[in-house]
Each structure stands twice: as structure tokens, then as C-alpha cells.
C-alpha atoms as a PDB file:
ATOM      1  CA  THR A   1      45.379 -29.270 -24.055  1.00  0.00           C
ATOM      2  CA  PRO A   2      41.596 -29.107 -23.659  1.00  0.00           C
ATOM      3  CA  SER A   3      40.341 -30.101 -20.248  1.00  0.00           C
ATOM      4  CA  SER A   4      38.205 -32.855 -21.771  1.00  0.00           C
ATOM      5  CA  ALA A   5      41.419 -34.569 -22.952  1.00  0.00           C
ATOM      6  CA  LEU A   6      42.714 -34.850 -19.378  1.00  0.00           C
ATOM      7  CA  PRO A   7      42.137 -38.203 -17.706  1.00  0.00           C
ATOM      8  CA  LEU A   8      39.512 -38.045 -14.955  1.00  0.00           C
ATOM      9  CA  GLY A   9      39.934 -39.532 -11.542  1.00  0.00           C
ATOM     10  CA  PRO A  10      37.256 -41.766 -10.057  1.00  0.00           C
ATOM     11  CA  GLU A  11      35.806 -38.891  -8.005  1.00  0.00           C
ATOM     12  CA  ALA A  12      35.441 -36.591 -11.015  1.00  0.00           C
ATOM     13  CA  SER A  13      34.005 -39.436 -13.109  1.00  0.00           C
ATOM     14  CA  PHE A  14      31.480 -40.252 -10.421  1.00  0.00           C
ATOM     15  CA  SER A  15      30.566 -36.563 -10.077  1.00  0.00           C
ATOM     16  CA  LEU A  16      29.907 -36.344 -13.829  1.00  0.00           C
ATOM     17  CA  LEU A  17      27.716 -39.428 -13.666  1.00  0.00           C
ATOM     18  CA  GLN A  18      25.730 -37.922 -10.785  1.00  0.00           C
ATOM     19  CA  GLU A  19      25.292 -34.665 -12.750  1.00  0.00           C
ATOM     20  CA  GLU A  20      24.106 -36.585 -15.853  1.00  0.00           C
ATOM     21  CA  GLN A  21      21.623 -38.523 -13.713  1.00  0.00           C
ATOM     22  CA  HIS A  22      20.431 -35.286 -12.122  1.00  0.00           C
ATOM     23  CA  GLN A  23      19.900 -33.681 -15.545  1.00  0.00           C
ATOM     24  CA  ARG A  24      17.920 -36.751 -16.739  1.00  0.00           C
ATOM     25  CA  GLU A  25      15.709 -36.595 -13.648  1.00  0.00           C
ATOM     26  CA  LEU A  26      15.102 -32.843 -14.147  1.00  0.00           C
ATOM     27  CA  ALA A  27      14.146 -33.467 -17.796  1.00  0.00           C
ATOM     28  CA  LEU A  28      11.755 -36.198 -16.768  1.00  0.00           C
ATOM     29  CA  LEU A  29      10.144 -34.003 -14.098  1.00  0.00           C
ATOM     30  CA  SER A  30       9.757 -31.186 -16.576  1.00  0.00           C
ATOM     31  CA  LYS A  31       8.088 -33.504 -19.068  1.00  0.00           C
ATOM     32  CA  ARG A  32       5.714 -34.863 -16.386  1.00  0.00           C
ATOM     33  CA  LEU A  33       4.805 -31.328 -15.296  1.00  0.00           C
ATOM     34  CA  GLU A  34       4.022 -30.375 -18.885  1.00  0.00           C
ATOM     35  CA  GLU A  35       1.840 -33.454 -19.264  1.00  0.00           C
ATOM     36  CA  LEU A  36       0.057 -32.663 -16.027  1.00  0.00           C
ATOM     37  CA  GLU A  37      -0.604 -29.091 -17.113  1.00  0.00           C
ATOM     38  CA  THR A  38      -1.978 -30.326 -20.450  1.00  0.00           C
ATOM     39  CA  ARG A  39      -4.328 -32.787 -18.676  1.00  0.00           C
ATOM     40  CA  GLN A  40      -5.533 -30.136 -16.291  1.00  0.00           C
ATOM     41  CA  ARG A  41      -6.253 -27.677 -19.092  1.00  0.00           C
ATOM     42  CA  LYS A  42      -8.203 -30.387 -20.929  1.00  0.00           C
ATOM     43  CA  GLN A  43     -10.185 -31.132 -17.785  1.00  0.00           C
ATOM     44  CA  LEU A  44     -10.996 -27.420 -17.342  1.00  0.00           C
ATOM     45  CA  GLU A  45     -12.120 -27.230 -20.995  1.00  0.00           C
ATOM     46  CA  ASP A  46     -14.283 -30.328 -20.434  1.00  0.00           C
ATOM     47  CA  LEU A  47     -15.958 -28.649 -17.444  1.00  0.00           C
ATOM     48  CA  GLY A  48     -17.271 -25.914 -19.759  1.00  0.00           C
ATOM     49  CA  PRO A  49     -19.270 -23.046 -18.233  1.00  0.00           C
ATOM     50  CA  SER A  50     -19.024 -24.440 -14.707  1.00  0.00           C
ATOM     51  CA  ARG A  51     -15.294 -23.822 -14.891  1.00  0.00           C
ATOM     52  CA  GLU A  52     -15.828 -20.252 -13.596  1.00  0.00           C
ATOM     53  CA  TRP A  53     -17.585 -21.637 -10.542  1.00  0.00           C
ATOM     54  CA  VAL A  54     -14.765 -24.085  -9.885  1.00  0.00           C
ATOM     55  CA  MET A  55     -12.112 -21.401 -10.335  1.00  0.00           C
ATOM     56  CA  GLY A  56     -14.033 -19.059  -8.021  1.00  0.00           C
ATOM     57  CA  TYR A  57     -14.398 -21.790  -5.434  1.00  0.00           C
ATOM     58  CA  ARG A  58     -10.676 -22.510  -5.607  1.00  0.00           C
ATOM     59  CA  ASP A  59      -9.776 -18.842  -5.193  1.00  0.00           C
ATOM     60  CA  SER A  60     -12.214 -18.574  -2.289  1.00  0.00           C
ATOM     61  CA  ALA A  61     -10.682 -21.635  -0.636  1.00  0.00           C
ATOM     62  CA  ARG A  62      -7.174 -20.239  -1.138  1.00  0.00           C
ATOM     63  CA  SER A  63      -8.072 -16.942   0.449  1.00  0.00           C
ATOM     64  CA  LYS A  64      -9.578 -18.736   3.459  1.00  0.00           C
ATOM     65  CA  ILE A  65      -6.369 -20.706   3.868  1.00  0.00           C
ATOM     66  CA  THR A  66      -4.166 -17.598   3.632  1.00  0.00           C
ATOM     67  CA  GLY A  67      -6.515 -15.569   5.852  1.00  0.00           C
ATOM     68  CA  GLU A  68      -7.092 -12.851   3.247  1.00  0.00           C
ATOM     69  CA  ASP A  69     -10.846 -12.833   3.971  1.00  0.00           C
ATOM     70  CA  ASP A  70     -10.194 -12.337   7.686  1.00  0.00           C
ATOM     71  CA  ALA A  71      -7.846  -9.410   7.015  1.00  0.00           C
ATOM     72  CA  GLN A  72     -10.418  -7.773   4.727  1.00  0.00           C
ATOM     73  CA  SER A  73     -13.245  -8.243   7.269  1.00  0.00           C
ATOM     74  CA  GLU A  74     -11.029  -6.602   9.942  1.00  0.00           C
ATOM     75  CA  ASP A  75     -10.690  -3.556   7.693  1.00  0.00           C
ATOM     76  CA  PHE A  76     -14.470  -3.105   7.576  1.00  0.00           C
ATOM     77  CA  LYS A  77     -14.972  -3.252  11.359  1.00  0.00           C
END
């Protein structure tokens, strides 16, 4: 007989419910991430030419946080 035809105990039934809830939450998170990405792209488009400045500033800030600039300056000493 197929396993789906077997009666499930309370533990198995609860586990399946938890898995279904988990899958719904993952789907919702995925949808929210896609919406966020779309809004961010639209905002970048709305910025126009200054977008390059913003992206450059972000990259500069990231390298300061990670210490990449410090490592590069040590190489030149």
C-alpha cells in the first residue's frame, strides 16, 4: 500500500503541519524579498545619474568596514 494510505499518528500529523507552516513562511519571505528587490531597483532608477555616486559611496563604506582599504594602504608602505 502507498505510504499516504497509512494512518498517521499524532506526532507525524503535527510534524506535517509544522512542515506545511514552514513552507508557507518560506514562500512569504521569498515574495517579500522579491518585492523589496523590485522597490530598491525602482529607487535606484529614480536616482538617475547620481546612482553611480551612491553605489561608489556604498562600496567605499563596505571596504572601510571590512578593512580592505587598510590592507591596501599597508601594501604601499
